[in-house]
């Protein structure tokens, strides 16, 4: 499965329920919760494989990083345009 969209955001209660650390409470917290749940199942049953869940979470994090970089670039470009138009006035 390829992550192309972000999952719905987890509520604060869900983040606490799945023990999502603060640093991972982002757009990909749902994937993190699935991965953590899988790891718990894996510790009880060694035949469970969590590679897919981990990959989905990491792919989502990468997609989010790309999104944040794009937003930063757009904000910088907008600010640069504002400064250029202000200095030419």
Protein backbone atom coordinates (compact mmCIF):
# COMPACT_ATOMS: atom_id res chain seq x y z
CA UNK A 1 0.00 0.00 0.00
CA UNK A 2 1.29 3.39 -0.90
CA UNK A 3 0.37 6.30 1.31
CA UNK A 4 -0.99 9.10 -0.86
CA UNK A 5 -3.24 10.85 1.65
CA UNK A 6 -3.05 11.52 5.33
CA UNK A 7 -5.35 9.54 7.61
CA UNK A 8 -7.91 11.35 9.77
CA UNK A 9 -6.32 12.99 12.79
CA UNK A 10 -6.51 11.06 16.03
CA UNK A 11 -8.36 12.66 18.90
CA UNK A 12 -6.52 13.45 22.11
CA UNK A 13 -8.31 10.52 23.77
CA UNK A 14 -7.16 8.15 21.03
CA UNK A 15 -3.59 9.40 21.31
CA UNK A 16 -3.67 8.68 25.02
CA UNK A 17 -5.38 5.33 24.49
CA UNK A 18 -2.71 4.18 22.03
CA UNK A 19 0.06 5.86 24.05
CA UNK A 20 1.28 7.96 21.15
CA UNK A 21 4.25 10.05 22.36
CA UNK A 22 3.89 13.81 21.95
CA UNK A 23 6.60 13.98 19.31
CA UNK A 24 4.63 11.60 17.07
CA UNK A 25 1.23 13.28 17.45
CA UNK A 26 1.12 14.61 13.94
CA UNK A 27 -0.80 13.83 10.78
CA UNK A 28 0.57 10.29 10.85
CA UNK A 29 -0.37 9.43 14.43
CA UNK A 30 -3.00 6.96 13.20
CA UNK A 31 -0.33 4.95 11.38
CA UNK A 32 1.90 5.13 14.44
CA UNK A 33 -0.94 3.79 16.59
CA UNK A 34 -1.48 0.91 14.16
CA UNK A 35 2.22 0.12 14.22
CA UNK A 36 2.37 0.22 18.02
CA UNK A 37 -0.68 -2.04 18.25
CA UNK A 38 0.98 -4.46 15.86
CA UNK A 39 4.16 -4.47 17.95
CA UNK A 40 2.12 -5.37 21.01
CA UNK A 41 0.48 -8.22 19.10
CA UNK A 42 3.91 -9.26 17.84
CA UNK A 43 5.30 -9.47 21.36
CA UNK A 44 2.49 -11.88 22.25
CA UNK A 45 2.67 -13.84 19.00
CA UNK A 46 5.98 -13.90 17.18
CA UNK A 47 4.36 -14.92 13.90
CA UNK A 48 2.86 -11.42 13.50
CA UNK A 49 4.78 -9.28 11.02
CA UNK A 50 4.68 -5.49 11.47
CA UNK A 51 6.80 -4.49 8.49
CA UNK A 52 3.80 -3.29 6.52
CA UNK A 53 2.52 -1.10 9.36
CA UNK A 54 5.98 0.33 9.96
CA UNK A 55 6.41 1.05 6.26
CA UNK A 56 3.04 2.82 6.08
CA UNK A 57 3.92 4.97 9.07
CA UNK A 58 7.37 5.86 7.71
CA UNK A 59 5.93 6.61 4.29
CA UNK A 60 3.34 8.90 5.85
CA UNK A 61 6.06 10.69 7.83
CA UNK A 62 8.04 11.19 4.63
CA UNK A 63 4.96 12.53 2.84
CA UNK A 64 4.36 14.92 5.75
CA UNK A 65 7.97 16.12 5.60
CA UNK A 66 7.61 16.87 1.90
CA UNK A 67 4.35 18.73 2.60
CA UNK A 68 5.96 20.82 5.34
CA UNK A 69 8.93 21.68 3.12
CA UNK A 70 6.56 22.78 0.36
CA UNK A 71 4.57 24.94 2.79
CA UNK A 72 7.77 26.54 4.05
CA UNK A 73 8.94 27.24 0.51
CA UNK A 74 5.60 28.83 -0.36
CA UNK A 75 5.68 30.97 2.79
CA UNK A 76 9.22 32.12 2.00
CA UNK A 77 8.29 32.93 -1.60
CA UNK A 78 5.25 34.89 -0.44
CA UNK A 79 7.31 36.82 2.09
CA UNK A 80 9.98 37.52 -0.53
CA UNK A 81 7.31 38.88 -2.90
CA UNK A 82 5.86 41.06 -0.13
CA UNK A 83 9.28 42.50 0.66
CA UNK A 84 10.02 43.11 -3.01
CA UNK A 85 6.74 44.93 -3.58
CA UNK A 86 7.20 46.98 -0.39
CA UNK A 87 10.70 48.06 -1.35
CA UNK A 88 9.66 49.03 -4.88
CA UNK A 89 6.87 51.29 -3.58
